[in-house]
């Protein structure tokens, strides 16, 4: 038995958006530690003898601390062999994958990283929103909505000054603050989208302009997990023009 850790990006939510290499790793797993955003159907690829353990994190709910997960990886790899750490999206995009890899290597556990399809790109794309588009957006930012301290990332102050597309992950609880920042910087009319459960059953998408998004999100009951997209590319969404025209009508009443 050779202790090993494989970090597998599970993709944005749809179980079919995992890579073939990720599936092959699951088929050879002795243990699977899976996150909240990893599609549970992927566990069916693991062998019958495989130990499957949920170690997900969700804001406002009890969850294992990262130090506990690190220790668990090493203990289970030593006891059982091959541990697959199944993470939503890509393990290296706000997934703490590098921390887990470093801890495992420091404890003599070999490690492989299998990249995943990041929700920062895939979720907007599935809604018909390109994060870049010739003549519209030349680049994009991916920013965490909530830092370790619980505040809004300072990078948002820089991003609001750019013409780039800005994608915010784990930021729904900071939606009011994000929109207020854009309004203060003269971008109240910038196109914006909030996409809940991207690529999954029950996906919801709200599009509009920055100034109205908080009220639209509240009215439609959109919640976490959600991807926030700010930028002119959102105007390419099929629902943007009708939503914009409707907001103009409401403003004239």
C-alpha atoms as a PDB file:
ATOM      1  CA  UNK A   1       0.000   0.000   0.000  1.00  0.00           C
ATOM      2  CA  UNK A   2       1.476   3.297  -1.127  1.00  0.00           C
ATOM      3  CA  UNK A   3       0.021   6.417   0.550  1.00  0.00           C
ATOM      4  CA  UNK A   4      -1.009   8.959  -2.064  1.00  0.00           C
ATOM      5  CA  UNK A   5      -3.120  12.091  -2.420  1.00  0.00           C
ATOM      6  CA  UNK A   6      -4.796  13.083  -5.687  1.00  0.00           C
ATOM      7  CA  UNK A   7      -6.421  16.500  -5.870  1.00  0.00           C
ATOM      8  CA  UNK A   8      -9.247  16.308  -8.400  1.00  0.00           C
ATOM      9  CA  UNK A   9     -11.176  19.291  -9.715  1.00  0.00           C
ATOM     10  CA  UNK A  10     -14.786  18.152  -9.999  1.00  0.00           C
ATOM     11  CA  UNK A  11     -15.872  20.956 -12.329  1.00  0.00           C
ATOM     12  CA  UNK A  12     -18.540  23.625 -11.839  1.00  0.00           C
ATOM     13  CA  UNK A  13     -21.454  21.415 -10.814  1.00  0.00           C
ATOM     14  CA  UNK A  14     -22.702  19.321 -13.721  1.00  0.00           C
ATOM     15  CA  UNK A  15     -21.345  15.816 -13.078  1.00  0.00           C
ATOM     16  CA  UNK A  16     -20.425  15.401 -16.745  1.00  0.00           C
ATOM     17  CA  UNK A  17     -18.024  18.342 -16.639  1.00  0.00           C
ATOM     18  CA  UNK A  18     -15.333  16.474 -14.716  1.00  0.00           C
ATOM     19  CA  UNK A  19     -12.298  15.435 -16.769  1.00  0.00           C
ATOM     20  CA  UNK A  20     -11.696  11.861 -17.917  1.00  0.00           C
ATOM     21  CA  UNK A  21      -8.492  11.846 -15.887  1.00  0.00           C
ATOM     22  CA  UNK A  22     -10.473  12.847 -12.817  1.00  0.00           C
ATOM     23  CA  UNK A  23     -12.857   9.917 -13.316  1.00  0.00           C
ATOM     24  CA  UNK A  24      -9.941   7.509 -13.664  1.00  0.00           C
ATOM     25  CA  UNK A  25      -8.504   8.763 -10.374  1.00  0.00           C
ATOM     26  CA  UNK A  26     -11.850   8.167  -8.648  1.00  0.00           C
ATOM     27  CA  UNK A  27     -11.929   4.628 -10.012  1.00  0.00           C
ATOM     28  CA  UNK A  28      -8.632   3.920  -8.230  1.00  0.00           C
ATOM     29  CA  UNK A  29      -9.507   5.598  -4.933  1.00  0.00           C
ATOM     30  CA  UNK A  30      -9.433   3.956  -1.521  1.00  0.00           C
ATOM     31  CA  UNK A  31     -10.835   7.089   0.115  1.00  0.00           C
ATOM     32  CA  UNK A  32     -12.752  10.046  -1.339  1.00  0.00           C
ATOM     33  CA  UNK A  33     -12.974  13.272   0.627  1.00  0.00           C
ATOM     34  CA  UNK A  34     -15.527  15.406  -1.179  1.00  0.00           C
ATOM     35  CA  UNK A  35     -16.595  19.026  -0.958  1.00  0.00           C
ATOM     36  CA  UNK A  36     -19.995  20.664  -0.847  1.00  0.00           C
ATOM     37  CA  UNK A  37     -19.842  21.801  -4.472  1.00  0.00           C
ATOM     38  CA  UNK A  38     -18.673  18.488  -5.946  1.00  0.00           C
ATOM     39  CA  UNK A  39     -21.559  16.667  -7.637  1.00  0.00           C
ATOM     40  CA  UNK A  40     -22.501  13.656  -5.491  1.00  0.00           C
ATOM     41  CA  UNK A  41     -23.091  11.511  -8.600  1.00  0.00           C
ATOM     42  CA  UNK A  42     -19.318  11.428  -9.107  1.00  0.00           C
ATOM     43  CA  UNK A  43     -19.003   9.202  -6.041  1.00  0.00           C
ATOM     44  CA  UNK A  44     -20.540   6.394  -8.117  1.00  0.00           C
ATOM     45  CA  UNK A  45     -17.231   6.127 -10.008  1.00  0.00           C
ATOM     46  CA  UNK A  46     -15.391   5.117  -6.838  1.00  0.00           C
ATOM     47  CA  UNK A  47     -14.937   1.388  -6.059  1.00  0.00           C
ATOM     48  CA  UNK A  48     -17.386  -0.360  -3.739  1.00  0.00           C
ATOM     49  CA  UNK A  49     -14.776  -0.701  -0.984  1.00  0.00           C
ATOM     50  CA  UNK A  50     -13.956   3.009  -1.061  1.00  0.00           C
ATOM     51  CA  UNK A  51     -14.503   5.112   2.059  1.00  0.00           C
ATOM     52  CA  UNK A  52     -16.473   8.258   1.138  1.00  0.00           C
ATOM     53  CA  UNK A  53     -16.421  11.181   3.539  1.00  0.00           C
ATOM     54  CA  UNK A  54     -18.028  14.619   3.263  1.00  0.00           C
ATOM     55  CA  UNK A  55     -15.751  17.470   4.350  1.00  0.00           C
ATOM     56  CA  UNK A  56     -17.505  20.374   2.656  1.00  0.00           C
ATOM     57  CA  UNK A  57     -17.667  23.974   3.755  1.00  0.00           C
ATOM     58  CA  UNK A  58     -20.660  26.278   3.471  1.00  0.00           C
ATOM     59  CA  UNK A  59     -20.934  29.756   4.937  1.00  0.00           C
ATOM     60  CA  UNK A  60     -22.984  29.859   8.119  1.00  0.00           C
ATOM     61  CA  UNK A  61     -22.983  26.074   8.578  1.00  0.00           C
ATOM     62  CA  UNK A  62     -20.805  23.839  10.787  1.00  0.00           C
ATOM     63  CA  UNK A  63     -17.824  22.458   8.898  1.00  0.00           C
ATOM     64  CA  UNK A  64     -14.386  20.999   9.415  1.00  0.00           C
ATOM     65  CA  UNK A  65     -11.530  23.451   9.795  1.00  0.00           C
ATOM     66  CA  UNK A  66      -8.830  23.317   7.116  1.00  0.00           C
ATOM     67  CA  UNK A  67      -6.279  22.040   9.640  1.00  0.00           C
ATOM     68  CA  UNK A  68      -8.593  19.125  10.425  1.00  0.00           C
ATOM     69  CA  UNK A  69      -8.922  18.273   6.742  1.00  0.00           C
ATOM     70  CA  UNK A  70      -5.153  18.402   6.255  1.00  0.00           C
ATOM     71  CA  UNK A  71      -4.619  16.018   9.162  1.00  0.00           C
ATOM     72  CA  UNK A  72      -7.392  13.738   7.906  1.00  0.00           C
ATOM     73  CA  UNK A  73      -5.796  13.466   4.468  1.00  0.00           C
ATOM     74  CA  UNK A  74      -2.483  12.297   5.909  1.00  0.00           C
ATOM     75  CA  UNK A  75      -4.081   9.873   8.391  1.00  0.00           C
ATOM     76  CA  UNK A  76      -6.374   8.256   5.818  1.00  0.00           C
ATOM     77  CA  UNK A  77      -3.629   8.035   3.191  1.00  0.00           C
ATOM     78  CA  UNK A  78      -1.385   6.282   5.738  1.00  0.00           C
ATOM     79  CA  UNK A  79      -4.157   3.901   6.816  1.00  0.00           C
ATOM     80  CA  UNK A  80      -5.889   3.194   3.495  1.00  0.00           C
ATOM     81  CA  UNK A  81      -3.623   4.217   0.589  1.00  0.00           C
ATOM     82  CA  UNK A  82      -4.972   6.395  -2.196  1.00  0.00           C
ATOM     83  CA  UNK A  83      -6.963   9.450  -1.057  1.00  0.00           C
ATOM     84  CA  UNK A  84      -8.838  11.420  -3.712  1.00  0.00           C
ATOM     85  CA  UNK A  85      -9.700  14.931  -2.619  1.00  0.00           C
ATOM     86  CA  UNK A  86     -12.678  15.884  -4.778  1.00  0.00           C
ATOM     87  CA  UNK A  87     -13.173  19.638  -4.994  1.00  0.00           C
ATOM     88  CA  UNK A  88     -15.726  21.737  -6.851  1.00  0.00           C
ATOM     89  CA  UNK A  89     -14.358  23.650  -9.839  1.00  0.00           C
ATOM     90  CA  UNK A  90     -10.573  23.595  -9.845  1.00  0.00           C
ATOM     91  CA  UNK A  91      -8.629  22.780  -6.673  1.00  0.00           C
ATOM     92  CA  UNK A  92      -6.246  25.690  -7.174  1.00  0.00           C
ATOM     93  CA  UNK A  93      -8.906  28.396  -7.675  1.00  0.00           C
ATOM     94  CA  UNK A  94      -9.935  29.334  -4.121  1.00  0.00           C
ATOM     95  CA  UNK A  95     -10.039  25.635  -3.295  1.00  0.00           C
ATOM     96  CA  UNK A  96      -7.120  25.516  -0.839  1.00  0.00           C
ATOM     97  CA  UNK A  97      -5.689  22.724  -2.931  1.00  0.00           C
ATOM     98  CA  UNK A  98      -2.143  24.020  -2.713  1.00  0.00           C
ATOM     99  CA  UNK A  99      -2.347  24.072   1.100  1.00  0.00           C
ATOM    100  CA  UNK A 100      -3.459  20.440   1.160  1.00  0.00           C
ATOM    101  CA  UNK A 101      -0.796  19.387  -1.325  1.00  0.00           C
ATOM    102  CA  UNK A 102       1.937  21.121   0.681  1.00  0.00           C
ATOM    103  CA  UNK A 103       0.786  19.525   3.939  1.00  0.00           C
ATOM    104  CA  UNK A 104       0.682  16.067   2.358  1.00  0.00           C
ATOM    105  CA  UNK A 105       4.161  16.432   0.835  1.00  0.00           C
ATOM    106  CA  UNK A 106       5.544  17.698   4.153  1.00  0.00           C
ATOM    107  CA  UNK A 107       4.305  14.459   5.720  1.00  0.00           C
ATOM    108  CA  UNK A 108       5.826  12.190   3.101  1.00  0.00           C
ATOM    109  CA  UNK A 109       2.637  11.629   1.063  1.00  0.00           C
ATOM    110  CA  UNK A 110       3.066  11.751  -2.705  1.00  0.00           C
ATOM    111  CA  UNK A 111       0.613  14.006  -4.497  1.00  0.00           C
ATOM    112  CA  UNK A 112      -0.897  14.435  -7.955  1.00  0.00           C
ATOM    113  CA  UNK A 113      -2.995  17.386  -9.116  1.00  0.00           C
ATOM    114  CA  UNK A 114      -5.706  16.886 -11.739  1.00  0.00           C
ATOM    115  CA  UNK A 115      -7.032  20.290 -12.842  1.00  0.00           C
ATOM    116  CA  UNK A 116     -10.762  20.890 -13.078  1.00  0.00           C
ATOM    117  CA  UNK A 117     -13.053  23.148 -15.110  1.00  0.00           C
ATOM    118  CA  UNK A 118     -13.300  26.342 -13.054  1.00  0.00           C
ATOM    119  CA  UNK A 119     -16.753  27.715 -12.317  1.00  0.00           C
ATOM    120  CA  UNK A 120     -15.324  31.198 -12.895  1.00  0.00           C
ATOM    121  CA  UNK A 121     -15.286  30.502 -16.628  1.00  0.00           C
ATOM    122  CA  UNK A 122     -17.719  27.624 -17.096  1.00  0.00           C
ATOM    123  CA  UNK A 123     -20.728  29.044 -15.249  1.00  0.00           C
ATOM    124  CA  UNK A 124     -20.862  32.319 -17.226  1.00  0.00           C
ATOM    125  CA  UNK A 125     -20.198  30.370 -20.447  1.00  0.00           C
ATOM    126  CA  UNK A 126     -23.087  27.998 -19.764  1.00  0.00           C
ATOM    127  CA  UNK A 127     -25.318  31.079 -19.516  1.00  0.00           C
ATOM    128  CA  UNK A 128     -24.021  32.434 -22.823  1.00  0.00           C
ATOM    129  CA  UNK A 129     -21.737  35.023 -21.204  1.00  0.00           C
ATOM    130  CA  UNK A 130     -18.136  34.970 -22.492  1.00  0.00           C
ATOM    131  CA  UNK A 131     -15.640  36.325 -19.956  1.00  0.00           C
ATOM    132  CA  UNK A 132     -13.703  37.785 -22.893  1.00  0.00           C
ATOM    133  CA  UNK A 133     -15.018  38.893 -26.269  1.00  0.00           C
ATOM    134  CA  UNK A 134     -13.307  40.740 -29.079  1.00  0.00           C
ATOM    135  CA  UNK A 135     -14.249  44.412 -28.985  1.00  0.00           C
ATOM    136  CA  UNK A 136     -15.970  44.048 -25.622  1.00  0.00           C
ATOM    137  CA  UNK A 137     -13.538  42.689 -23.020  1.00  0.00           C
ATOM    138  CA  UNK A 138      -9.833  41.993 -23.359  1.00  0.00           C
ATOM    139  CA  UNK A 139      -9.291  40.334 -19.977  1.00  0.00           C
ATOM    140  CA  UNK A 140     -10.993  39.077 -16.858  1.00  0.00           C
ATOM    141  CA  UNK A 141     -10.411  39.069 -13.111  1.00  0.00           C
ATOM    142  CA  UNK A 142     -11.388  36.269 -10.746  1.00  0.00           C
ATOM    143  CA  UNK A 143     -11.776  37.505  -7.179  1.00  0.00           C
ATOM    144  CA  UNK A 144     -12.967  35.919  -3.955  1.00  0.00           C
ATOM    145  CA  UNK A 145     -15.938  37.765  -2.547  1.00  0.00           C
ATOM    146  CA  UNK A 146     -15.046  37.050   1.068  1.00  0.00           C
ATOM    147  CA  UNK A 147     -11.525  36.971   2.509  1.00  0.00           C
ATOM    148  CA  UNK A 148     -10.241  34.857   5.404  1.00  0.00           C
ATOM    149  CA  UNK A 149     -11.092  37.709   7.792  1.00  0.00           C
ATOM    150  CA  UNK A 150     -14.669  37.841   6.470  1.00  0.00           C
ATOM    151  CA  UNK A 151     -14.294  41.175   4.700  1.00  0.00           C
ATOM    152  CA  UNK A 152     -14.534  42.065   1.029  1.00  0.00           C
ATOM    153  CA  UNK A 153     -11.330  41.588  -0.940  1.00  0.00           C
ATOM    154  CA  UNK A 154      -9.286  44.762  -1.393  1.00  0.00           C
ATOM    155  CA  UNK A 155      -8.756  43.691  -4.996  1.00  0.00           C
ATOM    156  CA  UNK A 156     -12.337  44.782  -5.663  1.00  0.00           C
ATOM    157  CA  UNK A 157     -11.136  48.377  -5.236  1.00  0.00           C
ATOM    158  CA  UNK A 158      -8.704  47.807  -8.106  1.00  0.00           C
ATOM    159  CA  UNK A 159     -11.071  45.759 -10.244  1.00  0.00           C
ATOM    160  CA  UNK A 160     -13.756  48.433 -10.249  1.00  0.00           C
ATOM    161  CA  UNK A 161     -11.303  50.776 -11.974  1.00  0.00           C
ATOM    162  CA  UNK A 162     -10.722  48.317 -14.822  1.00  0.00           C
ATOM    163  CA  UNK A 163     -12.712  47.678 -17.981  1.00  0.00           C
ATOM    164  CA  UNK A 164     -12.054  43.960 -17.572  1.00  0.00           C
ATOM    165  CA  UNK A 165     -14.777  41.426 -16.857  1.00  0.00           C
ATOM    166  CA  UNK A 166     -14.857  40.756 -13.099  1.00  0.00           C
ATOM    167  CA  UNK A 167     -15.968  37.349 -11.838  1.00  0.00           C
ATOM    168  CA  UNK A 168     -16.592  37.081  -8.098  1.00  0.00           C
ATOM    169  CA  UNK A 169     -16.745  33.681  -6.415  1.00  0.00           C
ATOM    170  CA  UNK A 170     -18.217  33.121  -2.949  1.00  0.00           C
ATOM    171  CA  UNK A 171     -19.428  36.708  -2.911  1.00  0.00           C
ATOM    172  CA  UNK A 172     -23.195  36.634  -2.570  1.00  0.00           C
ATOM    173  CA  UNK A 173     -23.086  37.711   1.080  1.00  0.00           C
ATOM    174  CA  UNK A 174     -21.118  40.762  -0.065  1.00  0.00           C
ATOM    175  CA  UNK A 175     -23.464  41.611  -2.940  1.00  0.00           C
ATOM    176  CA  UNK A 176     -24.675  44.882  -1.420  1.00  0.00           C
ATOM    177  CA  UNK A 177     -21.105  45.995  -0.724  1.00  0.00           C
ATOM    178  CA  UNK A 178     -19.910  45.085  -4.223  1.00  0.00           C
ATOM    179  CA  UNK A 179     -22.756  46.939  -5.896  1.00  0.00           C
ATOM    180  CA  UNK A 180     -22.291  49.959  -3.632  1.00  0.00           C
ATOM    181  CA  UNK A 181     -18.592  50.068  -4.576  1.00  0.00           C
ATOM    182  CA  UNK A 182     -19.433  50.092  -8.287  1.00  0.00           C
ATOM    183  CA  UNK A 183     -22.099  52.752  -7.827  1.00  0.00           C
ATOM    184  CA  UNK A 184     -19.629  54.986  -5.939  1.00  0.00           C
ATOM    185  CA  UNK A 185     -17.218  54.613  -8.845  1.00  0.00           C
ATOM    186  CA  UNK A 186     -19.754  55.751 -11.423  1.00  0.00           C
ATOM    187  CA  UNK A 187     -20.623  52.285 -12.709  1.00  0.00           C
ATOM    188  CA  UNK A 188     -24.224  51.968 -11.551  1.00  0.00           C
ATOM    189  CA  UNK A 189     -25.337  51.108 -15.093  1.00  0.00           C
ATOM    190  CA  UNK A 190     -22.731  48.423 -15.726  1.00  0.00           C
ATOM    191  CA  UNK A 191     -24.280  45.093 -16.846  1.00  0.00           C
ATOM    192  CA  UNK A 192     -24.176  42.464 -14.116  1.00  0.00           C
ATOM    193  CA  UNK A 193     -25.282  38.864 -13.613  1.00  0.00           C
ATOM    194  CA  UNK A 194     -25.729  36.616 -10.591  1.00  0.00           C
ATOM    195  CA  UNK A 195     -25.881  32.892 -11.393  1.00  0.00           C
ATOM    196  CA  UNK A 196     -26.952  30.379  -8.755  1.00  0.00           C
ATOM    197  CA  UNK A 197     -26.219  26.636  -9.052  1.00  0.00           C
ATOM    198  CA  UNK A 198     -24.423  27.133 -12.348  1.00  0.00           C
ATOM    199  CA  UNK A 199     -24.570  24.089 -14.705  1.00  0.00           C
ATOM    200  CA  UNK A 200     -26.719  22.222 -12.168  1.00  0.00           C
ATOM    201  CA  UNK A 201     -30.403  21.387 -12.031  1.00  0.00           C
ATOM    202  CA  UNK A 202     -32.145  24.382 -10.531  1.00  0.00           C
ATOM    203  CA  UNK A 203     -29.797  26.920 -12.097  1.00  0.00           C
ATOM    204  CA  UNK A 204     -31.046  30.506 -11.841  1.00  0.00           C
ATOM    205  CA  UNK A 205     -29.635  33.597 -13.508  1.00  0.00           C
ATOM    206  CA  UNK A 206     -30.457  37.229 -12.769  1.00  0.00           C
ATOM    207  CA  UNK A 207     -29.204  39.867 -15.211  1.00  0.00           C
ATOM    208  CA  UNK A 208     -29.523  43.610 -15.061  1.00  0.00           C
ATOM    209  CA  UNK A 209     -27.507  46.640 -14.072  1.00  0.00           C
ATOM    210  CA  UNK A 210     -25.462  47.095 -10.931  1.00  0.00           C
ATOM    211  CA  UNK A 211     -27.872  49.542  -9.271  1.00  0.00           C
ATOM    212  CA  UNK A 212     -30.824  47.133  -9.437  1.00  0.00           C
ATOM    213  CA  UNK A 213     -29.189  43.733  -8.941  1.00  0.00           C
ATOM    214  CA  UNK A 214     -29.591  43.482  -5.125  1.00  0.00           C
ATOM    215  CA  UNK A 215     -33.349  44.023  -5.367  1.00  0.00           C
ATOM    216  CA  UNK A 216     -33.665  41.633  -8.339  1.00  0.00           C
ATOM    217  CA  UNK A 217     -31.723  38.923  -6.507  1.00  0.00           C
ATOM    218  CA  UNK A 218     -33.911  39.341  -3.419  1.00  0.00           C
ATOM    219  CA  UNK A 219     -37.121  39.333  -5.477  1.00  0.00           C
ATOM    220  CA  UNK A 220     -36.202  36.132  -7.311  1.00  0.00           C
ATOM    221  CA  UNK A 221     -34.899  34.355  -4.215  1.00  0.00           C
ATOM    222  CA  UNK A 222     -31.446  33.689  -5.630  1.00  0.00           C
ATOM    223  CA  UNK A 223     -29.031  32.277  -3.064  1.00  0.00           C
ATOM    224  CA  UNK A 224     -25.646  30.624  -2.666  1.00  0.00           C
ATOM    225  CA  UNK A 225     -23.697  29.079  -4.261  1.00  0.00           C
ATOM    226  CA  UNK A 226     -23.571  31.811  -6.865  1.00  0.00           C
ATOM    227  CA  UNK A 227     -21.148  33.304  -9.366  1.00  0.00           C
ATOM    228  CA  UNK A 228     -21.231  37.081  -9.868  1.00  0.00           C
ATOM    229  CA  UNK A 229     -20.209  38.573 -13.219  1.00  0.00           C
ATOM    230  CA  UNK A 230     -19.675  42.303 -13.799  1.00  0.00           C
ATOM    231  CA  UNK A 231     -18.823  43.800 -17.164  1.00  0.00           C
ATOM    232  CA  UNK A 232     -20.041  44.724 -20.619  1.00  0.00           C
ATOM    233  CA  UNK A 233     -19.981  41.043 -21.664  1.00  0.00           C
ATOM    234  CA  UNK A 234     -23.105  40.492 -19.552  1.00  0.00           C
ATOM    235  CA  UNK A 235     -25.016  42.605 -22.102  1.00  0.00           C
ATOM    236  CA  UNK A 236     -24.476  39.700 -24.527  1.00  0.00           C
ATOM    237  CA  UNK A 237     -26.774  37.496 -22.426  1.00  0.00           C
ATOM    238  CA  UNK A 238     -30.057  36.837 -24.208  1.00  0.00           C
ATOM    239  CA  UNK A 239     -32.104  38.157 -21.281  1.00  0.00           C
ATOM    240  CA  UNK A 240     -30.163  41.379 -20.775  1.00  0.00           C
ATOM    241  CA  UNK A 241     -31.899  43.583 -23.329  1.00  0.00           C
ATOM    242  CA  UNK A 242     -35.440  42.671 -22.179  1.00  0.00           C
ATOM    243  CA  UNK A 243     -34.361  43.227 -18.564  1.00  0.00           C
ATOM    244  CA  UNK A 244     -32.802  46.570 -19.458  1.00  0.00           C
ATOM    245  CA  UNK A 245     -35.900  47.736 -21.312  1.00  0.00           C
ATOM    246  CA  UNK A 246     -38.086  46.678 -18.396  1.00  0.00           C
ATOM    247  CA  UNK A 247     -35.923  48.657 -15.952  1.00  0.00           C
ATOM    248  CA  UNK A 248     -36.282  51.722 -18.183  1.00  0.00           C
ATOM    249  CA  UNK A 249     -40.054  51.359 -18.141  1.00  0.00           C
ATOM    250  CA  UNK A 250     -40.090  51.069 -14.350  1.00  0.00           C
ATOM    251  CA  UNK A 251     -37.887  54.150 -14.052  1.00  0.00           C
ATOM    252  CA  UNK A 252     -40.389  56.140 -16.113  1.00  0.00           C
ATOM    253  CA  UNK A 253     -43.394  55.190 -13.983  1.00  0.00           C
END
